[in-house]
Amino acid sequence: MTVEQKQQRLSISLELRDHTASDSSFLGSVITEAETWVYGYDPETRVQSSQWKSPSYPRAKKARQSKSIKVMMIVFFDLHGIVQAEFVPRKSTVNCEYYKGLSERFKK
């Protein structure tokens, strides 16, 4: 980070600290987000997917288990916990425009 960015971060942090000191309910209205990488896969095992059937009924076919894939998840949370979590579609670029669309969906 540049010196200017560090100074701006400090200024905003001090402003938030002062606002919190003057309004004790302020932190309850703050929503923040975090990005993380997670692995997506089908956790169902053969035993879990088995089902009772009569001898004359054909066996259910188990879908071939695919390899796990790494996907990005964006999580919004407040003082009490997770508010919303969303997986980023594959081959999407997370930039200002993406967050703008995400914020509009989140407000709804």
PDB file of N, CA and C in Angstrom:
ATOM      1  N   MET A   1       0.834  -1.179   0.000  1.00  0.00           N
ATOM      2  CA  MET A   1       0.000   0.000   0.000  1.00  0.00           C
ATOM      3  C   MET A   1       0.879   1.242   0.000  1.00  0.00           C
ATOM      4  N   THR A   2       0.387   2.251  -0.649  1.00  0.00           N
ATOM      5  CA  THR A   2       1.126   3.504  -0.671  1.00  0.00           C
ATOM      6  C   THR A   2       0.931   4.230   0.653  1.00  0.00           C
ATOM      7  N   VAL A   3       1.740   5.227   0.899  1.00  0.00           N
ATOM      8  CA  VAL A   3       1.632   6.026   2.125  1.00  0.00           C
ATOM      9  C   VAL A   3       0.261   6.703   2.170  1.00  0.00           C
ATOM     10  N   GLU A   4      -0.195   7.188   1.028  1.00  0.00           N
ATOM     11  CA  GLU A   4      -1.513   7.846   0.953  1.00  0.00           C
ATOM     12  C   GLU A   4      -2.635   6.861   1.311  1.00  0.00           C
ATOM     13  N   GLN A   5      -2.557   5.624   0.808  1.00  0.00           N
ATOM     14  CA  GLN A   5      -3.569   4.618   1.111  1.00  0.00           C
ATOM     15  C   GLN A   5      -3.558   4.260   2.601  1.00  0.00           C
ATOM     16  N   LYS A   6      -2.360   4.154   3.166  1.00  0.00           N
ATOM     17  CA  LYS A   6      -2.250   3.857   4.591  1.00  0.00           C
ATOM     18  C   LYS A   6      -2.862   4.986   5.427  1.00  0.00           C
ATOM     19  N   GLN A   7      -2.608   6.224   5.024  1.00  0.00           N
ATOM     20  CA  GLN A   7      -3.150   7.374   5.750  1.00  0.00           C
ATOM     21  C   GLN A   7      -4.672   7.411   5.646  1.00  0.00           C
ATOM     22  N   GLN A   8      -5.189   7.095   4.467  1.00  0.00           N
ATOM     23  CA  GLN A   8      -6.640   7.070   4.284  1.00  0.00           C
ATOM     24  C   GLN A   8      -7.267   5.973   5.141  1.00  0.00           C
ATOM     25  N   ARG A   9      -6.637   4.803   5.205  1.00  0.00           N
ATOM     26  CA  ARG A   9      -7.140   3.699   6.029  1.00  0.00           C
ATOM     27  C   ARG A   9      -7.145   4.096   7.507  1.00  0.00           C
ATOM     28  N   LEU A  10      -6.074   4.751   7.961  1.00  0.00           N
ATOM     29  CA  LEU A  10      -5.997   5.210   9.346  1.00  0.00           C
ATOM     30  C   LEU A  10      -7.098   6.223   9.639  1.00  0.00           C
ATOM     31  N   SER A  11      -7.298   7.158   8.728  1.00  0.00           N
ATOM     32  CA  SER A  11      -8.319   8.190   8.903  1.00  0.00           C
ATOM     33  C   SER A  11      -9.721   7.578   9.019  1.00  0.00           C
ATOM     34  N   ILE A  12     -10.024   6.632   8.147  1.00  0.00           N
ATOM     35  CA  ILE A  12     -11.335   5.980   8.182  1.00  0.00           C
ATOM     36  C   ILE A  12     -11.498   5.175   9.461  1.00  0.00           C
ATOM     37  N   SER A  13     -10.444   4.482   9.883  1.00  0.00           N
ATOM     38  CA  SER A  13     -10.500   3.688  11.115  1.00  0.00           C
ATOM     39  C   SER A  13     -10.759   4.571  12.331  1.00  0.00           C
ATOM     40  N   LEU A  14     -10.085   5.708  12.389  1.00  0.00           N
ATOM     41  CA  LEU A  14     -10.294   6.632  13.508  1.00  0.00           C
ATOM     42  C   LEU A  14     -11.709   7.208  13.498  1.00  0.00           C
ATOM     43  N   GLU A  15     -12.214   7.497  12.318  1.00  0.00           N
ATOM     44  CA  GLU A  15     -13.580   8.007  12.186  1.00  0.00           C
ATOM     45  C   GLU A  15     -14.598   6.961  12.665  1.00  0.00           C
ATOM     46  N   LEU A  16     -14.387   5.706  12.289  1.00  0.00           N
ATOM     47  CA  LEU A  16     -15.283   4.634  12.725  1.00  0.00           C
ATOM     48  C   LEU A  16     -15.197   4.429  14.241  1.00  0.00           C
ATOM     49  N   ARG A  17     -13.991   4.517  14.775  1.00  0.00           N
ATOM     50  CA  ARG A  17     -13.813   4.378  16.226  1.00  0.00           C
ATOM     51  C   ARG A  17     -14.583   5.468  16.965  1.00  0.00           C
ATOM     52  N   ASP A  18     -14.467   6.705  16.490  1.00  0.00           N
ATOM     53  CA  ASP A  18     -15.164   7.820  17.127  1.00  0.00           C
ATOM     54  C   ASP A  18     -16.677   7.665  17.020  1.00  0.00           C
ATOM     55  N   HIS A  19     -17.134   7.208  15.859  1.00  0.00           N
ATOM     56  CA  HIS A  19     -18.577   7.010  15.651  1.00  0.00           C
ATOM     57  C   HIS A  19     -19.096   5.917  16.590  1.00  0.00           C
ATOM     58  N   THR A  20     -18.327   4.859  16.773  1.00  0.00           N
ATOM     59  CA  THR A  20     -18.710   3.767  17.657  1.00  0.00           C
ATOM     60  C   THR A  20     -18.764   4.240  19.108  1.00  0.00           C
ATOM     61  N   ALA A  21     -17.834   5.118  19.479  1.00  0.00           N
ATOM     62  CA  ALA A  21     -17.811   5.642  20.847  1.00  0.00           C
ATOM     63  C   ALA A  21     -19.033   6.510  21.135  1.00  0.00           C
ATOM     64  N   SER A  22     -19.523   7.232  20.126  1.00  0.00           N
ATOM     65  CA  SER A  22     -20.668   8.116  20.340  1.00  0.00           C
ATOM     66  C   SER A  22     -22.011   7.412  20.146  1.00  0.00           C
ATOM     67  N   ASP A  23     -22.039   6.283  19.451  1.00  0.00           N
ATOM     68  CA  ASP A  23     -23.282   5.542  19.209  1.00  0.00           C
ATOM     69  C   ASP A  23     -23.028   4.053  19.451  1.00  0.00           C
ATOM     70  N   SER A  24     -23.460   3.563  20.593  1.00  0.00           N
ATOM     71  CA  SER A  24     -23.157   2.175  20.968  1.00  0.00           C
ATOM     72  C   SER A  24     -23.836   1.140  20.068  1.00  0.00           C
ATOM     73  N   SER A  25     -24.882   1.513  19.330  1.00  0.00           N
ATOM     74  CA  SER A  25     -25.565   0.556  18.462  1.00  0.00           C
ATOM     75  C   SER A  25     -24.999   0.557  17.037  1.00  0.00           C
ATOM     76  N   PHE A  26     -24.001   1.378  16.790  1.00  0.00           N
ATOM     77  CA  PHE A  26     -23.451   1.516  15.437  1.00  0.00           C
ATOM     78  C   PHE A  26     -22.926   0.199  14.861  1.00  0.00           C
ATOM     79  N   LEU A  27     -22.168  -0.553  15.651  1.00  0.00           N
ATOM     80  CA  LEU A  27     -21.587  -1.798  15.141  1.00  0.00           C
ATOM     81  C   LEU A  27     -22.644  -2.818  14.734  1.00  0.00           C
ATOM     82  N   GLY A  28     -23.822  -2.735  15.317  1.00  0.00           N
ATOM     83  CA  GLY A  28     -24.903  -3.641  14.957  1.00  0.00           C
ATOM     84  C   GLY A  28     -25.420  -3.416  13.549  1.00  0.00           C
ATOM     85  N   SER A  29     -25.127  -2.265  12.956  1.00  0.00           N
ATOM     86  CA  SER A  29     -25.616  -1.963  11.613  1.00  0.00           C
ATOM     87  C   SER A  29     -24.545  -2.141  10.537  1.00  0.00           C
ATOM     88  N   VAL A  30     -23.345  -2.553  10.926  1.00  0.00           N
ATOM     89  CA  VAL A  30     -22.248  -2.708   9.976  1.00  0.00           C
ATOM     90  C   VAL A  30     -22.283  -4.101   9.344  1.00  0.00           C
ATOM     91  N   ILE A  31     -22.196  -4.139   8.024  1.00  0.00           N
ATOM     92  CA  ILE A  31     -22.083  -5.405   7.299  1.00  0.00           C
ATOM     93  C   ILE A  31     -20.777  -5.353   6.525  1.00  0.00           C
ATOM     94  N   THR A  32     -19.996  -6.401   6.627  1.00  0.00           N
ATOM     95  CA  THR A  32     -18.722  -6.476   5.917  1.00  0.00           C
ATOM     96  C   THR A  32     -18.677  -7.767   5.117  1.00  0.00           C
ATOM     97  N   GLU A  33     -17.620  -7.956   4.352  1.00  0.00           N
ATOM     98  CA  GLU A  33     -17.527  -9.164   3.528  1.00  0.00           C
ATOM     99  C   GLU A  33     -16.121  -9.714   3.547  1.00  0.00           C
ATOM    100  N   ALA A  34     -16.045 -10.983   3.165  1.00  0.00           N
ATOM    101  CA  ALA A  34     -14.755 -11.646   3.031  1.00  0.00           C
ATOM    102  C   ALA A  34     -14.839 -12.594   1.851  1.00  0.00           C
ATOM    103  N   GLU A  35     -13.718 -12.777   1.197  1.00  0.00           N
ATOM    104  CA  GLU A  35     -13.637 -13.726   0.084  1.00  0.00           C
ATOM    105  C   GLU A  35     -12.787 -14.904   0.539  1.00  0.00           C
ATOM    106  N   THR A  36     -13.168 -16.084   0.094  1.00  0.00           N
ATOM    107  CA  THR A  36     -12.387 -17.264   0.417  1.00  0.00           C
ATOM    108  C   THR A  36     -12.524 -18.287  -0.703  1.00  0.00           C
ATOM    109  N   TRP A  37     -11.529 -19.145  -0.823  1.00  0.00           N
ATOM    110  CA  TRP A  37     -11.580 -20.228  -1.797  1.00  0.00           C
ATOM    111  C   TRP A  37     -12.057 -21.473  -1.081  1.00  0.00           C
ATOM    112  N   VAL A  38     -13.007 -22.180  -1.684  1.00  0.00           N
ATOM    113  CA  VAL A  38     -13.518 -23.424  -1.118  1.00  0.00           C
ATOM    114  C   VAL A  38     -13.532 -24.486  -2.204  1.00  0.00           C
ATOM    115  N   TYR A  39     -13.581 -25.734  -1.788  1.00  0.00           N
ATOM    116  CA  TYR A  39     -13.673 -26.837  -2.733  1.00  0.00           C
ATOM    117  C   TYR A  39     -15.119 -27.278  -2.831  1.00  0.00           C
ATOM    118  N   GLY A  40     -15.613 -27.371  -4.061  1.00  0.00           N
ATOM    119  CA  GLY A  40     -16.969 -27.832  -4.292  1.00  0.00           C
ATOM    120  C   GLY A  40     -16.944 -29.260  -4.790  1.00  0.00           C
ATOM    121  N   TYR A  41     -17.747 -30.120  -4.181  1.00  0.00           N
ATOM    122  CA  TYR A  41     -17.816 -31.514  -4.598  1.00  0.00           C
ATOM    123  C   TYR A  41     -19.103 -32.122  -4.059  1.00  0.00           C
ATOM    124  N   ASP A  42     -19.419 -33.318  -4.529  1.00  0.00           N
ATOM    125  CA  ASP A  42     -20.592 -34.039  -4.068  1.00  0.00           C
ATOM    126  C   ASP A  42     -20.170 -34.911  -2.892  1.00  0.00           C
ATOM    127  N   PRO A  43     -20.539 -34.548  -1.666  1.00  0.00           N
ATOM    128  CA  PRO A  43     -20.073 -35.296  -0.508  1.00  0.00           C
ATOM    129  C   PRO A  43     -20.825 -36.611  -0.275  1.00  0.00           C
ATOM    130  N   GLU A  44     -21.857 -36.869  -1.064  1.00  0.00           N
ATOM    131  CA  GLU A  44     -22.655 -38.063  -0.847  1.00  0.00           C
ATOM    132  C   GLU A  44     -21.864 -39.323  -1.194  1.00  0.00           C
ATOM    133  N   THR A  45     -21.824 -40.260  -0.275  1.00  0.00           N
ATOM    134  CA  THR A  45     -21.119 -41.517  -0.525  1.00  0.00           C
ATOM    135  C   THR A  45     -22.106 -42.551  -1.055  1.00  0.00           C
ATOM    136  N   ARG A  46     -21.592 -43.668  -1.489  1.00  0.00           N
ATOM    137  CA  ARG A  46     -22.472 -44.742  -1.973  1.00  0.00           C
ATOM    138  C   ARG A  46     -23.448 -45.196  -0.889  1.00  0.00           C
ATOM    139  N   VAL A  47     -22.957 -45.320   0.336  1.00  0.00           N
ATOM    140  CA  VAL A  47     -23.818 -45.774   1.422  1.00  0.00           C
ATOM    141  C   VAL A  47     -24.933 -44.764   1.676  1.00  0.00           C
ATOM    142  N   GLN A  48     -24.573 -43.470   1.669  1.00  0.00           N
ATOM    143  CA  GLN A  48     -25.573 -42.442   1.918  1.00  0.00           C
ATOM    144  C   GLN A  48     -26.611 -42.385   0.805  1.00  0.00           C
ATOM    145  N   SER A  49     -26.229 -42.706  -0.419  1.00  0.00           N
ATOM    146  CA  SER A  49     -27.161 -42.597  -1.529  1.00  0.00           C
ATOM    147  C   SER A  49     -27.949 -43.878  -1.766  1.00  0.00           C
ATOM    148  N   SER A  50     -27.616 -44.945  -1.018  1.00  0.00           N
ATOM    149  CA  SER A  50     -28.348 -46.200  -1.220  1.00  0.00           C
ATOM    150  C   SER A  50     -29.762 -46.050  -0.677  1.00  0.00           C
ATOM    151  N   GLN A  51     -30.664 -46.779  -1.263  1.00  0.00           N
ATOM    152  CA  GLN A  51     -32.045 -46.701  -0.834  1.00  0.00           C
ATOM    153  C   GLN A  51     -32.660 -48.087  -0.902  1.00  0.00           C
ATOM    154  N   TRP A  52     -33.685 -48.297  -0.097  1.00  0.00           N
ATOM    155  CA  TRP A  52     -34.332 -49.596  -0.076  1.00  0.00           C
ATOM    156  C   TRP A  52     -35.119 -49.768  -1.361  1.00  0.00           C
ATOM    157  N   LYS A  53     -35.099 -50.995  -1.903  1.00  0.00           N
ATOM    158  CA  LYS A  53     -35.859 -51.306  -3.116  1.00  0.00           C
ATOM    159  C   LYS A  53     -36.281 -52.762  -3.061  1.00  0.00           C
ATOM    160  N   SER A  54     -37.333 -53.061  -3.798  1.00  0.00           N
ATOM    161  CA  SER A  54     -37.764 -54.459  -3.858  1.00  0.00           C
ATOM    162  C   SER A  54     -36.863 -55.195  -4.843  1.00  0.00           C
ATOM    163  N   PRO A  55     -36.751 -56.517  -4.745  1.00  0.00           N
ATOM    164  CA  PRO A  55     -35.875 -57.283  -5.644  1.00  0.00           C
ATOM    165  C   PRO A  55     -36.223 -57.121  -7.127  1.00  0.00           C
ATOM    166  N   SER A  56     -37.489 -56.838  -7.424  1.00  0.00           N
ATOM    167  CA  SER A  56     -37.879 -56.703  -8.833  1.00  0.00           C
ATOM    168  C   SER A  56     -37.629 -55.303  -9.393  1.00  0.00           C
ATOM    169  N   TYR A  57     -37.339 -54.354  -8.523  1.00  0.00           N
ATOM    170  CA  TYR A  57     -37.133 -52.970  -8.957  1.00  0.00           C
ATOM    171  C   TYR A  57     -35.670 -52.784  -9.366  1.00  0.00           C
ATOM    172  N   PRO A  58     -35.405 -52.143 -10.499  1.00  0.00           N
ATOM    173  CA  PRO A  58     -34.007 -51.976 -10.935  1.00  0.00           C
ATOM    174  C   PRO A  58     -33.204 -51.097  -9.973  1.00  0.00           C
ATOM    175  N   ARG A  59     -31.912 -51.353  -9.911  1.00  0.00           N
ATOM    176  CA  ARG A  59     -31.030 -50.573  -9.045  1.00  0.00           C
ATOM    177  C   ARG A  59     -30.936 -49.134  -9.528  1.00  0.00           C
ATOM    178  N   ALA A  60     -30.850 -48.226  -8.578  1.00  0.00           N
ATOM    179  CA  ALA A  60     -30.654 -46.813  -8.926  1.00  0.00           C
ATOM    180  C   ALA A  60     -29.218 -46.622  -9.383  1.00  0.00           C
ATOM    181  N   LYS A  61     -29.033 -45.767 -10.369  1.00  0.00           N
ATOM    182  CA  LYS A  61     -27.681 -45.512 -10.862  1.00  0.00           C
ATOM    183  C   LYS A  61     -27.073 -44.360 -10.095  1.00  0.00           C
ATOM    184  N   LYS A  62     -25.841 -44.541  -9.703  1.00  0.00           N
ATOM    185  CA  LYS A  62     -25.102 -43.492  -8.998  1.00  0.00           C
ATOM    186  C   LYS A  62     -24.362 -42.673 -10.030  1.00  0.00           C
ATOM    187  N   ALA A  63     -24.561 -41.363  -9.971  1.00  0.00           N
ATOM    188  CA  ALA A  63     -23.839 -40.488 -10.893  1.00  0.00           C
ATOM    189  C   ALA A  63     -22.351 -40.610 -10.614  1.00  0.00           C
ATOM    190  N   ARG A  64     -21.556 -40.566 -11.651  1.00  0.00           N
ATOM    191  CA  ARG A  64     -20.118 -40.664 -11.471  1.00  0.00           C
ATOM    192  C   ARG A  64     -19.624 -39.463 -10.685  1.00  0.00           C
ATOM    193  N   GLN A  65     -18.870 -39.728  -9.664  1.00  0.00           N
ATOM    194  CA  GLN A  65     -18.390 -38.646  -8.820  1.00  0.00           C
ATOM    195  C   GLN A  65     -17.308 -37.864  -9.554  1.00  0.00           C
ATOM    196  N   SER A  66     -17.486 -36.566  -9.611  1.00  0.00           N
ATOM    197  CA  SER A  66     -16.509 -35.736 -10.295  1.00  0.00           C
ATOM    198  C   SER A  66     -15.443 -35.272  -9.310  1.00  0.00           C
ATOM    199  N   LYS A  67     -14.332 -34.860  -9.850  1.00  0.00           N
ATOM    200  CA  LYS A  67     -13.267 -34.333  -9.002  1.00  0.00           C
ATOM    201  C   LYS A  67     -13.739 -33.028  -8.375  1.00  0.00           C
ATOM    202  N   SER A  68     -13.181 -32.720  -7.230  1.00  0.00           N
ATOM    203  CA  SER A  68     -13.545 -31.472  -6.580  1.00  0.00           C
ATOM    204  C   SER A  68     -12.968 -30.302  -7.371  1.00  0.00           C
ATOM    205  N   ILE A  69     -13.667 -29.187  -7.301  1.00  0.00           N
ATOM    206  CA  ILE A  69     -13.221 -27.980  -7.996  1.00  0.00           C
ATOM    207  C   ILE A  69     -13.062 -26.854  -6.976  1.00  0.00           C
ATOM    208  N   LYS A  70     -12.153 -25.979  -7.230  1.00  0.00           N
ATOM    209  CA  LYS A  70     -11.900 -24.852  -6.343  1.00  0.00           C
ATOM    210  C   LYS A  70     -12.732 -23.674  -6.838  1.00  0.00           C
ATOM    211  N   VAL A  71     -13.569 -23.118  -5.966  1.00  0.00           N
ATOM    212  CA  VAL A  71     -14.414 -21.988  -6.325  1.00  0.00           C
ATOM    213  C   VAL A  71     -14.287 -20.893  -5.269  1.00  0.00           C
ATOM    214  N   MET A  72     -14.553 -19.660  -5.681  1.00  0.00           N
ATOM    215  CA  MET A  72     -14.500 -18.543  -4.748  1.00  0.00           C
ATOM    216  C   MET A  72     -15.882 -18.316  -4.149  1.00  0.00           C
ATOM    217  N   MET A  73     -15.905 -18.041  -2.861  1.00  0.00           N
ATOM    218  CA  MET A  73     -17.144 -17.739  -2.167  1.00  0.00           C
ATOM    219  C   MET A  73     -16.982 -16.388  -1.484  1.00  0.00           C
ATOM    220  N   ILE A  74     -18.009 -15.561  -1.612  1.00  0.00           N
ATOM    221  CA  ILE A  74     -18.020 -14.256  -0.952  1.00  0.00           C
ATOM    222  C   ILE A  74     -19.066 -14.333   0.153  1.00  0.00           C
ATOM    223  N   VAL A  75     -18.665 -13.971   1.358  1.00  0.00           N
ATOM    224  CA  VAL A  75     -19.540 -14.064   2.517  1.00  0.00           C
ATOM    225  C   VAL A  75     -19.735 -12.675   3.118  1.00  0.00           C
ATOM    226  N   PHE A  76     -20.992 -12.308   3.338  1.00  0.00           N
ATOM    227  CA  PHE A  76     -21.329 -11.055   4.014  1.00  0.00           C
ATOM    228  C   PHE A  76     -21.753 -11.406   5.435  1.00  0.00           C
ATOM    229  N   PHE A  77     -21.268 -10.665   6.404  1.00  0.00           N
ATOM    230  CA  PHE A  77     -21.635 -10.947   7.778  1.00  0.00           C
ATOM    231  C   PHE A  77     -21.716  -9.668   8.583  1.00  0.00           C
ATOM    232  N   ASP A  78     -22.470  -9.762   9.668  1.00  0.00           N
ATOM    233  CA  ASP A  78     -22.600  -8.631  10.583  1.00  0.00           C
ATOM    234  C   ASP A  78     -22.177  -9.078  11.980  1.00  0.00           C
ATOM    235  N   LEU A  79     -22.527  -8.310  12.956  1.00  0.00           N
ATOM    236  CA  LEU A  79     -22.134  -8.573  14.338  1.00  0.00           C
ATOM    237  C   LEU A  79     -22.652  -9.924  14.841  1.00  0.00           C
ATOM    238  N   HIS A  80     -23.758 -10.408  14.263  1.00  0.00           N
ATOM    239  CA  HIS A  80     -24.401 -11.629  14.741  1.00  0.00           C
ATOM    240  C   HIS A  80     -24.053 -12.874  13.924  1.00  0.00           C
ATOM    241  N   GLY A  81     -23.406 -12.710  12.786  1.00  0.00           N
ATOM    242  CA  GLY A  81     -23.032 -13.872  11.983  1.00  0.00           C
ATOM    243  C   GLY A  81     -23.216 -13.634  10.492  1.00  0.00           C
ATOM    244  N   ILE A  82     -23.311 -14.736   9.747  1.00  0.00           N
ATOM    245  CA  ILE A  82     -23.414 -14.666   8.287  1.00  0.00           C
ATOM    246  C   ILE A  82     -24.781 -14.144   7.873  1.00  0.00           C
ATOM    247  N   VAL A  83     -24.770 -13.173   6.966  1.00  0.00           N
ATOM    248  CA  VAL A  83     -25.990 -12.591   6.421  1.00  0.00           C
ATOM    249  C   VAL A  83     -26.300 -13.226   5.068  1.00  0.00           C
ATOM    250  N   GLN A  84     -25.276 -13.390   4.249  1.00  0.00           N
ATOM    251  CA  GLN A  84     -25.445 -13.983   2.925  1.00  0.00           C
ATOM    252  C   GLN A  84     -24.107 -14.542   2.462  1.00  0.00           C
ATOM    253  N   ALA A  85     -24.165 -15.667   1.742  1.00  0.00           N
ATOM    254  CA  ALA A  85     -22.971 -16.254   1.152  1.00  0.00           C
ATOM    255  C   ALA A  85     -23.287 -16.556  -0.305  1.00  0.00           C
ATOM    256  N   GLU A  86     -22.345 -16.307  -1.177  1.00  0.00           N
ATOM    257  CA  GLU A  86     -22.581 -16.503  -2.606  1.00  0.00           C
ATOM    258  C   GLU A  86     -21.329 -17.058  -3.268  1.00  0.00           C
ATOM    259  N   PHE A  87     -21.525 -18.073  -4.108  1.00  0.00           N
ATOM    260  CA  PHE A  87     -20.420 -18.621  -4.877  1.00  0.00           C
ATOM    261  C   PHE A  87     -20.231 -17.784  -6.133  1.00  0.00           C
ATOM    262  N   VAL A  88     -18.991 -17.507  -6.475  1.00  0.00           N
ATOM    263  CA  VAL A  88     -18.685 -16.753  -7.692  1.00  0.00           C
ATOM    264  C   VAL A  88     -18.686 -17.749  -8.855  1.00  0.00           C
ATOM    265  N   PRO A  89     -19.455 -17.463  -9.911  1.00  0.00           N
ATOM    266  CA  PRO A  89     -19.464 -18.381 -11.063  1.00  0.00           C
ATOM    267  C   PRO A  89     -18.061 -18.554 -11.639  1.00  0.00           C
ATOM    268  N   ARG A  90     -17.775 -19.752 -12.107  1.00  0.00           N
ATOM    269  CA  ARG A  90     -16.458 -20.024 -12.684  1.00  0.00           C
ATOM    270  C   ARG A  90     -16.195 -19.086 -13.851  1.00  0.00           C
ATOM    271  N   LYS A  91     -14.938 -18.743 -14.013  1.00  0.00           N
ATOM    272  CA  LYS A  91     -14.451 -17.862 -15.073  1.00  0.00           C
ATOM    273  C   LYS A  91     -15.010 -16.445 -14.976  1.00  0.00           C
ATOM    274  N   SER A  92     -15.460 -16.051 -13.780  1.00  0.00           N
ATOM    275  CA  SER A  92     -15.912 -14.677 -13.549  1.00  0.00           C
ATOM    276  C   SER A  92     -14.758 -13.875 -12.966  1.00  0.00           C
ATOM    277  N   THR A  93     -14.716 -12.611 -13.295  1.00  0.00           N
ATOM    278  CA  THR A  93     -13.713 -11.718 -12.736  1.00  0.00           C
ATOM    279  C   THR A  93     -14.361 -10.912 -11.620  1.00  0.00           C
ATOM    280  N   VAL A  94     -13.771 -10.970 -10.437  1.00  0.00           N
ATOM    281  CA  VAL A  94     -14.299 -10.222  -9.299  1.00  0.00           C
ATOM    282  C   VAL A  94     -13.615  -8.862  -9.295  1.00  0.00           C
ATOM    283  N   ASN A  95     -14.365  -7.870  -9.712  1.00  0.00           N
ATOM    284  CA  ASN A  95     -13.850  -6.504  -9.784  1.00  0.00           C
ATOM    285  C   ASN A  95     -14.939  -5.541  -9.304  1.00  0.00           C
ATOM    286  N   CYS A  96     -14.755  -4.277  -9.549  1.00  0.00           N
ATOM    287  CA  CYS A  96     -15.700  -3.251  -9.105  1.00  0.00           C
ATOM    288  C   CYS A  96     -17.099  -3.513  -9.674  1.00  0.00           C
ATOM    289  N   GLU A  97     -17.180  -3.849 -10.942  1.00  0.00           N
ATOM    290  CA  GLU A  97     -18.483  -4.099 -11.577  1.00  0.00           C
ATOM    291  C   GLU A  97     -19.170  -5.319 -10.961  1.00  0.00           C
ATOM    292  N   TYR A  98     -18.404  -6.355 -10.681  1.00  0.00           N
ATOM    293  CA  TYR A  98     -18.978  -7.552 -10.067  1.00  0.00           C
ATOM    294  C   TYR A  98     -19.559  -7.211  -8.695  1.00  0.00           C
ATOM    295  N   TYR A  99     -18.794  -6.467  -7.888  1.00  0.00           N
ATOM    296  CA  TYR A  99     -19.264  -6.088  -6.556  1.00  0.00           C
ATOM    297  C   TYR A  99     -20.471  -5.167  -6.632  1.00  0.00           C
ATOM    298  N   LYS A 100     -20.526  -4.327  -7.644  1.00  0.00           N
ATOM    299  CA  LYS A 100     -21.684  -3.437  -7.806  1.00  0.00           C
ATOM    300  C   LYS A 100     -22.947  -4.263  -8.026  1.00  0.00           C
ATOM    301  N   GLY A 101     -22.877  -5.257  -8.925  1.00  0.00           N
ATOM    302  CA  GLY A 101     -24.021  -6.138  -9.162  1.00  0.00           C
ATOM    303  C   GLY A 101     -24.369  -6.959  -7.931  1.00  0.00           C
ATOM    304  N   LEU A 102     -23.351  -7.421  -7.221  1.00  0.00           N
ATOM    305  CA  LEU A 102     -23.555  -8.198  -6.010  1.00  0.00           C
ATOM    306  C   LEU A 102     -24.242  -7.352  -4.942  1.00  0.00           C
ATOM    307  N   SER A 103     -23.821  -6.110  -4.807  1.00  0.00           N
ATOM    308  CA  SER A 103     -24.430  -5.206  -3.821  1.00  0.00           C
ATOM    309  C   SER A 103     -25.887  -4.940  -4.146  1.00  0.00           C
ATOM    310  N   GLU A 104     -26.203  -4.778  -5.420  1.00  0.00           N
ATOM    311  CA  GLU A 104     -27.597  -4.547  -5.820  1.00  0.00           C
ATOM    312  C   GLU A 104     -28.458  -5.767  -5.522  1.00  0.00           C
ATOM    313  N   ARG A 105     -27.938  -6.979  -5.770  1.00  0.00           N
ATOM    314  CA  ARG A 105     -28.691  -8.198  -5.444  1.00  0.00           C
ATOM    315  C   ARG A 105     -28.833  -8.344  -3.937  1.00  0.00           C
ATOM    316  N   PHE A 106     -27.797  -7.970  -3.223  1.00  0.00           N
ATOM    317  CA  PHE A 106     -27.812  -8.089  -1.764  1.00  0.00           C
ATOM    318  C   PHE A 106     -28.863  -7.167  -1.150  1.00  0.00           C
ATOM    319  N   LYS A 107     -29.009  -5.971  -1.686  1.00  0.00           N
ATOM    320  CA  LYS A 107     -29.984  -5.009  -1.155  1.00  0.00           C
ATOM    321  C   LYS A 107     -31.414  -5.517  -1.313  1.00  0.00           C
ATOM    322  N   LYS A 108     -31.667  -6.281  -2.386  1.00  0.00           N
ATOM    323  CA  LYS A 108     -33.013  -6.812  -2.610  1.00  0.00           C
ATOM    324  C   LYS A 108     -33.318  -7.881  -1.603  1.00  0.00           C
TER     325      LYS A 108
END
